[in-house]
N, C-alpha and C. Protein backbone atom coordinates (compact mmCIF):
# COMPACT_ATOMS: atom_id res chain seq x y z
N MET A 1 120.86 -47.69 78.13
CA MET A 1 119.84 -46.53 77.88
C MET A 1 118.55 -46.50 78.86
N LEU A 2 118.78 -45.02 79.18
CA LEU A 2 117.74 -44.77 80.01
C LEU A 2 116.14 -43.55 79.53
N TYR A 3 115.05 -44.32 79.71
CA TYR A 3 114.27 -43.55 79.01
C TYR A 3 113.26 -43.05 79.81
N ASP A 4 112.38 -41.96 79.65
CA ASP A 4 111.60 -41.27 80.66
C ASP A 4 110.27 -41.68 80.64
N ARG A 5 109.58 -41.55 80.85
CA ARG A 5 108.46 -42.45 81.13
C ARG A 5 107.41 -42.25 80.12
N ARG A 6 107.06 -41.04 79.67
CA ARG A 6 106.65 -40.50 78.23
C ARG A 6 107.08 -41.57 77.17
N THR A 7 108.45 -41.36 77.29
CA THR A 7 108.70 -42.20 76.11
C THR A 7 108.31 -43.51 76.13
N VAL A 8 108.50 -44.66 77.36
CA VAL A 8 108.02 -46.08 77.65
C VAL A 8 106.69 -45.80 77.43
N LEU A 9 105.62 -44.82 77.37
CA LEU A 9 104.61 -44.98 77.20
C LEU A 9 104.11 -45.02 75.65
N LEU A 10 105.05 -44.06 74.82
CA LEU A 10 104.52 -43.96 73.69
C LEU A 10 105.22 -45.55 72.78
N GLY A 11 106.18 -45.96 73.25
CA GLY A 11 106.87 -47.42 72.92
C GLY A 11 105.60 -48.41 72.85
N ILE A 12 104.91 -48.39 73.88
CA ILE A 12 104.11 -49.38 74.28
C ILE A 12 103.02 -48.95 73.80
N CYS A 13 102.36 -47.89 73.45
CA CYS A 13 101.01 -47.33 72.16
C CYS A 13 101.97 -48.17 71.01
N LEU A 14 103.11 -47.77 70.39
CA LEU A 14 103.21 -48.30 69.09
C LEU A 14 103.14 -49.55 69.02
N LEU A 15 103.67 -50.66 70.02
CA LEU A 15 103.48 -51.67 69.88
C LEU A 15 102.34 -52.55 69.75
N GLY A 16 101.13 -51.76 70.56
CA GLY A 16 99.77 -52.01 70.27
C GLY A 16 99.34 -52.96 71.42
N VAL A 17 100.02 -52.39 72.59
CA VAL A 17 99.77 -53.14 74.04
C VAL A 17 98.57 -52.72 74.39
N LEU A 18 98.18 -51.29 74.61
CA LEU A 18 97.46 -50.24 74.77
C LEU A 18 96.46 -49.95 73.41
N THR A 19 95.08 -49.97 73.79
CA THR A 19 94.20 -49.46 72.78
C THR A 19 94.60 -47.96 72.67
N LEU A 20 94.00 -47.73 71.23
CA LEU A 20 94.25 -46.04 71.14
C LEU A 20 93.74 -45.13 72.01
N ALA A 21 92.27 -46.08 72.19
CA ALA A 21 91.75 -44.76 73.75
C ALA A 21 92.53 -44.63 74.56
N SER A 22 92.86 -45.74 74.83
CA SER A 22 94.20 -46.09 76.48
C SER A 22 94.95 -45.17 76.56
N CYS A 23 95.91 -45.36 75.05
CA CYS A 23 97.10 -44.16 74.86
C CYS A 23 96.87 -42.82 74.99
N GLU A 24 96.13 -42.51 74.34
CA GLU A 24 95.29 -41.09 74.34
C GLU A 24 95.24 -40.74 75.53
N ASN A 25 94.52 -41.21 76.37
CA ASN A 25 93.81 -40.99 77.71
C ASN A 25 95.18 -41.09 78.72
N THR A 26 95.65 -41.83 78.77
CA THR A 26 97.19 -41.93 79.14
C THR A 26 98.17 -40.87 79.20
N LEU A 27 98.69 -40.70 77.87
CA LEU A 27 99.31 -39.70 77.51
C LEU A 27 99.03 -38.29 77.97
N VAL A 28 97.91 -37.50 77.82
CA VAL A 28 97.26 -36.50 78.06
C VAL A 28 97.43 -36.68 79.80
N LYS A 29 97.15 -37.08 80.54
CA LYS A 29 97.51 -37.19 82.18
C LYS A 29 98.74 -36.88 82.26
N GLU A 30 99.89 -37.47 81.63
CA GLU A 30 101.36 -37.68 81.76
C GLU A 30 101.46 -35.79 81.57
N ALA A 31 100.83 -35.82 80.81
CA ALA A 31 101.54 -34.42 80.48
C ALA A 31 101.17 -33.18 81.21
N ALA A 32 101.89 -31.95 81.41
CA ALA A 32 101.71 -30.99 82.25
C ALA A 32 101.10 -29.68 81.19
N SER A 33 100.80 -28.70 82.29
CA SER A 33 100.23 -27.66 81.26
C SER A 33 101.38 -26.76 80.54
N ILE A 34 101.66 -26.78 80.11
CA ILE A 34 102.96 -26.11 79.10
C ILE A 34 102.63 -24.39 78.99
N ASN A 35 103.62 -23.67 79.30
CA ASN A 35 103.88 -22.09 78.91
C ASN A 35 104.82 -22.33 77.90
N LEU A 36 104.63 -22.09 77.00
CA LEU A 36 105.49 -22.07 76.11
C LEU A 36 106.92 -21.00 75.89
N CYS A 37 106.86 -19.65 76.84
CA CYS A 37 107.74 -19.07 77.09
C CYS A 37 108.62 -18.93 78.38
N ASN A 38 108.06 -20.37 78.74
CA ASN A 38 108.73 -21.01 80.32
C ASN A 38 109.48 -21.87 79.83
N GLU A 39 109.69 -22.46 78.74
CA GLU A 39 110.43 -24.02 78.02
C GLU A 39 111.39 -23.05 77.49
N ASP A 40 112.63 -24.03 77.27
CA ASP A 40 113.82 -23.91 76.21
C ASP A 40 113.44 -24.31 75.27
N LEU A 41 113.18 -24.21 74.38
CA LEU A 41 112.56 -24.29 73.15
C LEU A 41 114.03 -25.26 72.34
N GLN A 42 113.98 -26.25 72.37
CA GLN A 42 115.14 -27.38 71.59
C GLN A 42 114.77 -28.78 71.28
N VAL A 43 115.46 -28.66 70.35
CA VAL A 43 115.11 -30.41 69.26
C VAL A 43 116.75 -30.80 69.21
N LEU A 44 117.08 -32.03 69.19
CA LEU A 44 118.55 -32.76 68.85
C LEU A 44 119.55 -31.79 69.78
N GLY A 45 119.34 -31.21 70.78
CA GLY A 45 120.25 -30.07 71.41
C GLY A 45 120.58 -28.75 71.01
N ILE A 46 119.86 -28.49 70.32
CA ILE A 46 120.03 -26.76 69.68
C ILE A 46 119.03 -26.45 69.97
N ASN A 47 119.09 -25.16 70.62
CA ASN A 47 118.60 -24.30 71.50
C ASN A 47 118.00 -22.81 70.87
N VAL A 48 116.79 -22.97 70.97
CA VAL A 48 116.14 -21.74 70.35
C VAL A 48 116.44 -20.59 70.87
N GLY A 49 117.23 -18.90 70.04
CA GLY A 49 117.24 -18.30 71.31
C GLY A 49 119.02 -18.04 71.50
N LYS A 50 119.55 -19.31 71.48
CA LYS A 50 120.95 -19.42 71.75
C LYS A 50 122.10 -19.81 70.72
N ASP A 51 121.64 -20.92 70.48
CA ASP A 51 122.64 -21.58 69.26
C ASP A 51 122.34 -20.86 67.84
N THR A 52 123.49 -21.10 67.01
CA THR A 52 123.29 -20.63 65.36
C THR A 52 123.06 -21.97 64.67
N LEU A 53 122.90 -21.21 63.49
CA LEU A 53 122.70 -21.79 61.91
C LEU A 53 124.37 -22.53 62.10
N VAL A 54 125.67 -21.73 62.29
CA VAL A 54 126.57 -22.59 62.35
C VAL A 54 126.84 -23.97 63.50
N ASP A 55 126.43 -23.71 64.22
CA ASP A 55 126.63 -24.71 65.60
C ASP A 55 126.14 -26.02 64.98
N VAL A 56 124.57 -25.84 64.83
CA VAL A 56 123.36 -26.75 63.74
C VAL A 56 124.37 -27.36 62.82
N GLN A 57 125.30 -26.69 61.81
CA GLN A 57 126.18 -27.42 60.96
C GLN A 57 127.29 -28.07 61.08
N ASN A 58 127.84 -27.61 62.39
CA ASN A 58 128.81 -28.18 62.91
C ASN A 58 128.71 -29.29 63.54
N ASN A 59 127.43 -29.50 64.05
CA ASN A 59 126.89 -30.82 64.74
C ASN A 59 126.09 -32.08 63.83
N PHE A 60 125.91 -31.44 63.02
CA PHE A 60 125.04 -32.31 62.39
C PHE A 60 125.02 -32.29 60.52
N GLY A 61 126.22 -31.58 60.46
CA GLY A 61 126.65 -31.48 58.64
C GLY A 61 126.45 -30.47 57.93
N LYS A 62 127.26 -29.78 56.95
CA LYS A 62 126.65 -28.81 56.43
C LYS A 62 125.79 -28.83 55.49
N ALA A 63 124.27 -28.34 55.71
CA ALA A 63 123.14 -28.57 54.82
C ALA A 63 123.30 -27.15 53.96
N GLU A 64 122.66 -27.28 52.77
CA GLU A 64 122.19 -26.40 51.40
C GLU A 64 121.20 -25.50 52.17
N PRO A 65 121.25 -24.01 52.35
CA PRO A 65 120.03 -23.60 52.64
C PRO A 65 118.96 -23.56 51.57
N MET A 66 117.51 -23.89 52.41
CA MET A 66 116.26 -23.98 51.51
C MET A 66 116.25 -22.31 50.96
N HIS A 67 115.46 -22.88 50.01
CA HIS A 67 114.98 -21.78 48.79
C HIS A 67 114.16 -20.71 49.95
N ARG A 68 114.39 -19.15 49.81
CA ARG A 68 113.49 -18.55 50.00
C ARG A 68 114.20 -17.09 49.61
N SER A 69 113.09 -16.17 50.20
CA SER A 69 113.43 -14.66 49.42
C SER A 69 113.91 -13.90 50.14
N GLU A 70 114.60 -12.53 49.84
CA GLU A 70 115.55 -11.52 50.87
C GLU A 70 115.25 -11.92 52.13
N HIS A 71 114.11 -11.43 52.31
CA HIS A 71 113.48 -11.20 53.68
C HIS A 71 113.29 -12.34 54.50
N ASP A 72 113.16 -13.71 53.97
CA ASP A 72 112.70 -14.83 54.85
C ASP A 72 113.37 -15.29 55.78
N ASP A 73 112.70 -16.27 56.29
CA ASP A 73 114.23 -16.70 57.66
C ASP A 73 115.01 -17.52 56.21
N ALA A 74 116.05 -17.67 57.19
CA ALA A 74 117.11 -19.00 56.63
C ALA A 74 116.89 -20.27 57.04
N ARG A 75 117.10 -21.11 56.25
CA ARG A 75 116.50 -22.34 56.97
C ARG A 75 117.24 -23.27 56.40
N ILE A 76 117.91 -24.51 57.05
CA ILE A 76 118.32 -25.54 56.85
C ILE A 76 117.69 -27.09 57.08
N CYS A 77 117.78 -27.63 56.63
CA CYS A 77 117.08 -28.63 56.68
C CYS A 77 117.47 -30.67 57.17
N TYR A 78 117.36 -31.50 58.15
CA TYR A 78 117.90 -32.39 57.86
C TYR A 78 116.99 -33.62 58.23
N LEU A 79 117.18 -34.54 57.92
CA LEU A 79 116.65 -35.71 57.96
C LEU A 79 117.20 -36.95 59.02
N VAL A 80 116.08 -37.22 59.85
CA VAL A 80 116.58 -38.35 61.29
C VAL A 80 115.72 -39.09 61.14
N ASP A 81 115.76 -39.88 61.94
CA ASP A 81 115.41 -41.27 62.12
C ASP A 81 114.22 -41.04 62.01
N ASP A 82 113.27 -40.35 62.64
CA ASP A 82 111.71 -40.40 63.12
C ASP A 82 111.03 -39.35 62.69
N GLY A 83 112.09 -38.59 61.29
CA GLY A 83 111.19 -37.26 61.07
C GLY A 83 112.22 -36.12 60.51
N VAL A 84 111.60 -35.09 60.04
CA VAL A 84 112.75 -34.03 59.31
C VAL A 84 112.25 -33.06 60.40
N VAL A 85 113.57 -32.43 60.77
CA VAL A 85 113.85 -31.12 61.48
C VAL A 85 114.13 -30.08 60.43
N ILE A 86 113.64 -28.78 60.77
CA ILE A 86 114.32 -27.67 59.64
C ILE A 86 114.53 -26.54 60.52
N TYR A 87 115.54 -26.26 60.90
CA TYR A 87 115.98 -24.85 61.33
C TYR A 87 115.63 -23.47 61.04
N GLU A 88 115.42 -22.51 61.58
CA GLU A 88 115.48 -21.45 60.93
C GLU A 88 116.33 -20.28 61.89
N ALA A 89 116.25 -19.09 61.22
CA ALA A 89 117.17 -18.18 61.99
C ALA A 89 116.46 -16.95 60.84
N GLY A 90 116.01 -16.07 61.79
CA GLY A 90 115.08 -14.80 61.00
C GLY A 90 115.92 -13.33 61.35
N ALA A 91 115.29 -12.16 61.03
CA ALA A 91 115.78 -11.32 61.07
C ALA A 91 116.12 -10.65 62.45
N LEU A 92 115.33 -11.00 63.60
CA LEU A 92 115.69 -10.74 64.84
C LEU A 92 116.56 -11.67 65.40
N GLY A 93 117.15 -13.07 64.57
CA GLY A 93 118.49 -13.61 65.30
C GLY A 93 119.22 -12.97 64.45
N GLY A 94 119.35 -12.11 63.76
CA GLY A 94 120.10 -11.61 62.82
C GLY A 94 120.52 -12.87 61.50
N TRP A 95 119.40 -13.69 61.22
CA TRP A 95 119.85 -14.67 60.16
C TRP A 95 120.98 -15.44 61.05
N LYS A 96 121.27 -15.23 62.11
CA LYS A 96 122.19 -16.53 62.30
C LYS A 96 121.76 -17.32 63.52
N THR A 97 121.30 -16.76 64.41
CA THR A 97 120.72 -17.10 65.88
C THR A 97 119.28 -17.86 65.21
N ILE A 98 119.46 -19.00 66.40
CA ILE A 98 117.91 -19.98 65.89
C ILE A 98 116.66 -18.73 66.50
N THR A 99 115.84 -18.94 65.85
CA THR A 99 115.02 -18.10 66.23
C THR A 99 113.24 -19.07 66.13
N GLY A 100 113.52 -20.26 65.94
CA GLY A 100 112.58 -21.13 65.70
C GLY A 100 112.55 -22.74 64.79
N PHE A 101 112.17 -23.56 64.98
CA PHE A 101 112.35 -25.19 64.45
C PHE A 101 110.73 -25.32 63.75
N HIS A 102 110.99 -26.13 62.56
CA HIS A 102 109.65 -27.12 62.32
C HIS A 102 109.92 -28.73 62.54
N ILE A 103 109.13 -29.74 62.90
CA ILE A 103 109.26 -30.69 63.18
C ILE A 103 108.02 -31.42 62.08
N LEU A 104 108.35 -32.20 61.24
CA LEU A 104 107.90 -33.15 60.44
C LEU A 104 107.87 -35.06 60.05
N ARG A 105 106.91 -35.30 60.12
CA ARG A 105 106.58 -36.62 59.79
C ARG A 105 107.45 -36.61 58.96
N PRO A 106 108.37 -38.16 58.44
CA PRO A 106 108.54 -37.91 57.10
C PRO A 106 107.98 -38.44 55.85
N GLU A 107 106.46 -38.71 56.05
CA GLU A 107 105.90 -38.47 54.84
C GLU A 107 105.20 -37.24 54.81
N SER A 108 105.93 -36.10 55.41
CA SER A 108 104.91 -34.80 55.05
C SER A 108 105.23 -34.24 53.19
N GLU A 109 104.77 -33.61 52.70
CA GLU A 109 104.80 -32.89 51.69
C GLU A 109 105.53 -32.09 51.58
N ILE A 110 106.70 -32.34 51.28
CA ILE A 110 108.10 -30.90 51.49
C ILE A 110 109.24 -31.73 50.29
N ASP A 111 109.54 -30.64 50.31
CA ASP A 111 110.88 -31.34 49.33
C ASP A 111 112.00 -31.56 50.26
N ILE A 112 112.54 -32.71 50.57
CA ILE A 112 113.61 -32.60 51.61
C ILE A 112 115.04 -33.20 50.39
N SER A 113 114.89 -32.58 49.25
CA SER A 113 116.20 -32.82 48.46
C SER A 113 117.40 -32.29 49.02
N ARG A 114 117.14 -31.14 49.68
CA ARG A 114 118.52 -30.47 50.43
C ARG A 114 118.82 -30.83 51.98
N CYS A 115 118.02 -31.23 52.16
CA CYS A 115 117.99 -32.22 53.33
C CYS A 115 119.34 -33.12 53.65
N VAL A 116 119.68 -32.86 54.90
CA VAL A 116 120.94 -34.05 55.05
C VAL A 116 120.81 -35.14 55.81
N THR A 117 121.20 -36.23 55.76
CA THR A 117 120.40 -37.57 56.58
C THR A 117 121.91 -37.19 57.81
N HIS A 118 120.89 -37.66 58.86
CA HIS A 118 121.63 -37.74 60.30
C HIS A 118 121.13 -39.24 61.02
N SER A 119 121.65 -39.80 60.80
CA SER A 119 121.59 -41.10 61.69
C SER A 119 121.83 -41.19 63.11
N GLY A 120 120.81 -42.42 63.24
CA GLY A 120 120.83 -42.13 64.60
C GLY A 120 120.86 -41.47 65.98
N GLN A 121 119.44 -40.39 65.87
CA GLN A 121 118.96 -39.01 66.25
C GLN A 121 117.44 -39.42 65.95
N SER A 122 116.98 -38.72 67.26
CA SER A 122 115.54 -38.92 67.56
C SER A 122 114.93 -37.55 67.97
N ILE A 123 114.02 -36.88 66.79
CA ILE A 123 113.09 -35.83 67.06
C ILE A 123 112.67 -36.10 68.84
N LEU A 124 111.37 -37.41 68.54
CA LEU A 124 110.62 -37.17 69.97
C LEU A 124 111.20 -37.41 71.31
N ARG A 125 112.19 -37.86 70.93
CA ARG A 125 112.92 -38.27 72.28
C ARG A 125 113.94 -37.05 72.99
N SER A 126 114.37 -35.97 71.77
CA SER A 126 114.81 -34.66 72.57
C SER A 126 114.37 -33.67 72.31
N VAL A 127 112.87 -33.36 71.76
CA VAL A 127 112.17 -32.21 71.71
C VAL A 127 111.47 -31.69 72.98
N VAL A 128 111.68 -30.38 73.10
CA VAL A 128 111.04 -29.58 74.12
C VAL A 128 110.64 -28.56 74.04
N PRO A 129 109.06 -28.50 74.21
CA PRO A 129 108.23 -29.04 74.98
C PRO A 129 108.08 -30.36 73.82
N VAL A 130 107.63 -31.57 74.90
CA VAL A 130 107.68 -32.80 74.49
C VAL A 130 106.20 -33.08 73.17
N ILE A 131 106.25 -33.59 72.19
CA ILE A 131 105.35 -33.86 71.21
C ILE A 131 105.27 -35.20 70.97
N SER A 132 104.50 -35.61 70.44
CA SER A 132 104.09 -37.06 69.87
C SER A 132 103.78 -37.06 68.43
N PHE A 133 104.37 -37.96 67.32
CA PHE A 133 103.15 -37.84 66.03
C PHE A 133 102.05 -38.77 66.03
N MET A 134 102.02 -38.84 67.39
CA MET A 134 100.60 -39.98 67.93
C MET A 134 99.56 -38.98 68.37
N ASP A 135 100.50 -37.72 68.58
CA ASP A 135 99.28 -36.60 69.10
C ASP A 135 98.03 -36.07 68.32
N THR A 136 97.00 -35.85 68.88
CA THR A 136 95.49 -35.72 68.02
C THR A 136 95.17 -34.31 68.93
N PRO A 137 94.51 -33.53 67.84
CA PRO A 137 93.84 -32.23 68.18
C PRO A 137 93.60 -32.11 70.04
N GLN A 138 93.07 -33.12 70.11
CA GLN A 138 92.54 -32.93 71.60
C GLN A 138 93.92 -32.97 72.69
N THR A 139 94.59 -34.31 72.13
CA THR A 139 95.78 -34.39 73.20
C THR A 139 96.49 -33.14 73.59
N VAL A 140 97.05 -32.48 72.50
CA VAL A 140 97.40 -30.95 71.90
C VAL A 140 96.53 -29.65 72.87
N ILE A 141 95.51 -30.26 72.54
CA ILE A 141 94.52 -28.95 73.42
C ILE A 141 94.61 -29.58 75.33
N ALA A 142 94.51 -30.61 75.54
CA ALA A 142 94.98 -31.14 76.52
C ALA A 142 96.15 -30.50 77.41
N ARG A 143 97.24 -30.67 76.42
CA ARG A 143 98.81 -30.17 76.82
C ARG A 143 98.29 -28.17 77.11
N TYR A 144 98.30 -27.85 75.53
CA TYR A 144 98.42 -26.39 76.20
C TYR A 144 97.54 -25.59 76.34
N GLY A 145 96.08 -26.29 76.41
CA GLY A 145 95.07 -25.55 76.44
C GLY A 145 94.37 -24.77 75.39
N GLU A 146 93.19 -24.33 75.37
CA GLU A 146 92.38 -24.08 73.99
C GLU A 146 93.60 -22.88 72.98
N PRO A 147 93.48 -23.32 71.73
CA PRO A 147 94.44 -22.69 70.97
C PRO A 147 94.02 -20.83 70.87
N ASN A 148 95.15 -20.16 70.46
CA ASN A 148 94.86 -18.68 70.16
C ASN A 148 93.63 -18.66 68.77
N SER A 149 93.85 -19.72 68.17
CA SER A 149 93.15 -19.64 66.83
C SER A 149 93.16 -21.34 66.35
N LYS A 150 91.89 -21.37 65.43
CA LYS A 150 91.93 -22.90 64.88
C LYS A 150 92.35 -22.97 63.27
N ILE A 151 92.96 -22.74 62.96
CA ILE A 151 93.81 -22.71 61.57
C ILE A 151 93.08 -24.02 60.67
N LYS A 152 93.16 -23.21 59.11
CA LYS A 152 93.37 -25.24 58.13
C LYS A 152 93.89 -26.14 59.13
N ASP A 153 93.40 -27.64 59.09
CA ASP A 153 93.99 -28.48 59.42
C ASP A 153 94.89 -28.31 60.77
N GLY A 154 94.25 -27.25 61.56
CA GLY A 154 95.53 -27.56 62.41
C GLY A 154 95.08 -26.03 64.08
N LEU A 155 96.11 -26.37 64.65
CA LEU A 155 95.91 -25.29 66.02
C LEU A 155 97.09 -24.03 65.80
N SER A 156 96.63 -22.80 66.48
CA SER A 156 97.91 -21.93 66.72
C SER A 156 97.69 -21.14 68.30
N TYR A 157 98.79 -21.63 68.39
CA TYR A 157 99.12 -20.72 69.90
C TYR A 157 100.12 -19.79 69.62
N ARG A 158 99.72 -18.89 70.66
CA ARG A 158 101.04 -17.39 70.70
C ARG A 158 100.57 -16.53 71.91
N GLN A 159 101.75 -16.39 72.91
CA GLN A 159 101.95 -16.61 73.88
C GLN A 159 102.88 -15.11 73.97
N ILE A 160 102.79 -14.18 75.13
CA ILE A 160 103.65 -12.73 75.11
C ILE A 160 104.48 -12.85 76.51
N SER A 161 105.52 -12.75 76.67
CA SER A 161 105.63 -12.41 78.31
C SER A 161 107.28 -11.63 78.17
N LYS A 162 107.44 -11.14 79.23
CA LYS A 162 108.46 -10.01 79.39
C LYS A 162 109.65 -10.92 80.36
N LEU A 163 110.68 -10.50 79.74
CA LEU A 163 112.10 -11.17 80.40
C LEU A 163 113.36 -10.20 80.76
N PRO A 164 113.22 -10.23 81.90
CA PRO A 164 114.39 -9.48 82.58
C PRO A 164 115.84 -9.28 81.40
N MET A 165 116.69 -8.21 81.44
CA MET A 165 117.76 -8.51 80.42
C MET A 165 118.89 -8.80 81.90
N THR A 166 119.82 -9.43 81.11
CA THR A 166 121.07 -9.78 82.21
C THR A 166 122.10 -8.41 82.15
N THR A 167 122.58 -8.34 83.23
CA THR A 167 123.38 -6.88 83.69
C THR A 167 124.49 -6.30 82.22
N ALA A 168 124.61 -7.88 81.45
CA ALA A 168 125.58 -7.37 80.41
C ALA A 168 124.63 -7.03 79.14
N GLU A 169 123.64 -7.58 78.96
CA GLU A 169 122.66 -7.36 78.19
C GLU A 169 122.16 -5.61 78.05
N LEU A 170 121.96 -5.62 79.44
CA LEU A 170 121.42 -4.03 79.58
C LEU A 170 122.82 -3.21 79.52
N ASP A 171 124.12 -4.10 79.60
CA ASP A 171 125.00 -2.51 79.33
C ASP A 171 125.41 -2.64 78.05
N ARG A 172 124.73 -4.00 76.80
CA ARG A 172 125.06 -3.56 75.84
C ARG A 172 123.57 -3.06 75.08
N ALA A 173 122.33 -2.90 75.67
CA ALA A 173 121.30 -2.52 75.16
C ALA A 173 121.40 -0.63 75.42
N ARG A 174 122.07 -0.23 76.23
CA ARG A 174 121.98 0.82 76.64
C ARG A 174 123.21 1.80 75.54
N LYS A 175 123.98 0.95 74.82
CA LYS A 175 124.79 1.77 74.05
C LYS A 175 123.63 2.51 72.74
N GLN A 176 122.64 1.29 72.54
CA GLN A 176 121.96 1.82 71.34
C GLN A 176 121.00 2.97 71.76
N TRP A 177 120.57 1.91 73.27
CA TRP A 177 119.62 3.08 73.71
C TRP A 177 119.53 3.80 75.48
N PRO A 178 120.60 4.68 75.22
CA PRO A 178 121.09 4.99 76.42
C PRO A 178 119.91 5.41 77.70
N GLN A 179 118.36 5.56 77.34
CA GLN A 179 117.66 6.13 77.89
C GLN A 179 116.96 4.72 78.93
N ILE A 180 117.46 3.89 78.65
CA ILE A 180 116.66 2.74 79.45
C ILE A 180 117.05 2.82 80.80
N LYS A 181 115.76 2.81 81.54
CA LYS A 181 116.07 3.06 83.04
C LYS A 181 115.98 1.27 83.60
N ASN A 182 116.00 1.03 84.59
CA ASN A 182 116.53 -0.56 85.36
C ASN A 182 114.81 -1.04 84.86
N ASP A 183 114.07 -0.33 85.59
CA ASP A 183 112.82 -0.73 85.56
C ASP A 183 111.91 -1.01 83.66
N GLU A 184 112.72 -0.51 83.14
CA GLU A 184 112.17 -0.75 81.96
C GLU A 184 112.93 -1.90 80.90
N ALA A 185 114.27 -2.44 81.75
CA ALA A 185 114.92 -3.05 81.16
C ALA A 185 114.39 -5.02 80.61
N TYR A 186 113.71 -4.91 79.78
CA TYR A 186 113.22 -6.39 79.91
C TYR A 186 113.09 -6.37 78.32
N TRP A 187 112.89 -7.62 77.59
CA TRP A 187 112.91 -7.86 76.50
C TRP A 187 111.38 -8.47 76.21
N ASP A 188 110.66 -8.59 75.25
CA ASP A 188 109.45 -8.75 74.65
C ASP A 188 109.78 -10.05 74.01
N VAL A 189 109.14 -10.70 74.72
CA VAL A 189 109.38 -12.41 74.08
C VAL A 189 108.03 -12.99 73.36
N THR A 190 107.70 -13.03 72.88
CA THR A 190 106.49 -13.45 71.61
C THR A 190 107.19 -15.26 71.25
N CYS A 191 106.29 -16.10 71.76
CA CYS A 191 106.28 -17.65 71.98
C CYS A 191 105.29 -18.17 70.98
N SER A 192 105.41 -18.86 70.46
CA SER A 192 104.50 -19.61 69.00
C SER A 192 104.80 -20.87 68.54
N ALA A 193 103.40 -21.35 68.74
CA ALA A 193 103.67 -23.04 68.22
C ALA A 193 102.19 -23.18 67.40
N GLU A 194 102.88 -24.12 66.02
CA GLU A 194 101.48 -24.16 65.26
C GLU A 194 101.59 -25.42 65.06
N PHE A 195 100.35 -26.20 64.84
CA PHE A 195 100.57 -27.82 64.87
C PHE A 195 99.27 -27.78 63.89
N HIS A 196 99.81 -28.66 63.39
CA HIS A 196 99.32 -29.15 61.69
C HIS A 196 98.55 -31.29 61.82
N PHE A 197 97.58 -31.55 61.22
CA PHE A 197 97.38 -32.99 61.28
C PHE A 197 96.59 -33.54 60.36
N LYS A 198 97.22 -34.62 60.29
CA LYS A 198 96.26 -35.13 58.68
C LYS A 198 95.99 -36.91 59.38
N ASP A 199 94.55 -36.93 58.91
CA ASP A 199 93.92 -37.86 59.72
C ASP A 199 94.08 -38.19 61.07
N GLY A 200 93.85 -36.70 61.45
CA GLY A 200 93.57 -37.06 63.21
C GLY A 200 95.09 -37.07 63.76
N ARG A 201 95.96 -37.25 63.04
CA ARG A 201 97.55 -37.43 63.71
C ARG A 201 98.57 -35.94 63.59
N LEU A 202 99.22 -35.94 64.41
CA LEU A 202 100.15 -34.50 63.98
C LEU A 202 101.31 -34.92 63.27
N ILE A 203 100.97 -33.95 61.79
CA ILE A 203 102.20 -34.46 60.89
C ILE A 203 102.99 -33.17 60.75
N SER A 204 103.11 -32.17 61.51
CA SER A 204 104.12 -31.06 61.57
C SER A 204 103.75 -30.39 62.89
N ALA A 205 105.16 -29.88 63.39
CA ALA A 205 104.41 -28.75 64.18
C ALA A 205 105.89 -27.43 64.00
N HIS A 206 105.66 -25.94 64.40
CA HIS A 206 106.34 -25.14 64.39
C HIS A 206 106.90 -24.45 65.75
N PHE A 207 107.63 -24.21 66.20
CA PHE A 207 107.85 -23.44 67.37
C PHE A 207 108.94 -22.28 67.31
N GLN A 208 108.51 -21.38 67.68
CA GLN A 208 109.08 -20.34 67.43
C GLN A 208 109.31 -19.45 68.85
N ARG A 209 110.67 -18.33 68.61
CA ARG A 209 110.57 -17.56 69.99
C ARG A 209 110.98 -16.44 69.42
N LEU A 210 110.51 -15.66 69.66
CA LEU A 210 111.30 -13.70 69.38
C LEU A 210 111.52 -13.08 70.14
N GLU A 211 112.41 -12.59 70.70
CA GLU A 211 112.81 -11.31 71.80
C GLU A 211 113.45 -9.99 70.79
N SER A 212 112.70 -8.92 71.42
CA SER A 212 112.55 -7.70 70.84
C SER A 212 112.36 -6.82 72.33
N TYR A 213 113.27 -5.60 71.96
CA TYR A 213 112.68 -4.58 72.94
C TYR A 213 112.46 -3.33 72.38
């Protein structure tokens, strides 16, 4: 099995071969500047904005939806080898298409009674953009830049961009909005990430991508 350079570095750090300071410095140097809206947000092979809750359940087993009110995102939860993944589908995804996901350390204070266990899977080897439960606020800022806001025990990022519609998408959109001109055929894309820390280390991350016109 092949591992990328960052995964190898993480393994070395976890084994204690490098000092904590050396690990942080090395991982920061390895990280590239990340634009959330340029990333194909995904974890365990499930892509935000493309795959659906049904696709998730077909891949990892049928999970009971987590408790929510009428207008909350639909969420399903999986417990894998190195943490917890919660997939969510909100209103802009028709409560079907994945609009975001949460990643949490196993010891996070969350009710996992409805999570389905799916062994043999790793969050940290599959998530895009790359994160680590070794991350500190400093390493996250080095990777993403200064946050839009600093929240209680964490950092919050929000980026907005425009994405050209494909020909097929424009044809469908014109059925609802016939007045759309070619130079107006863009989706408004809002991408966000929220990171929470405990004892100086990442305990959870929430990524979201919302497309609207």
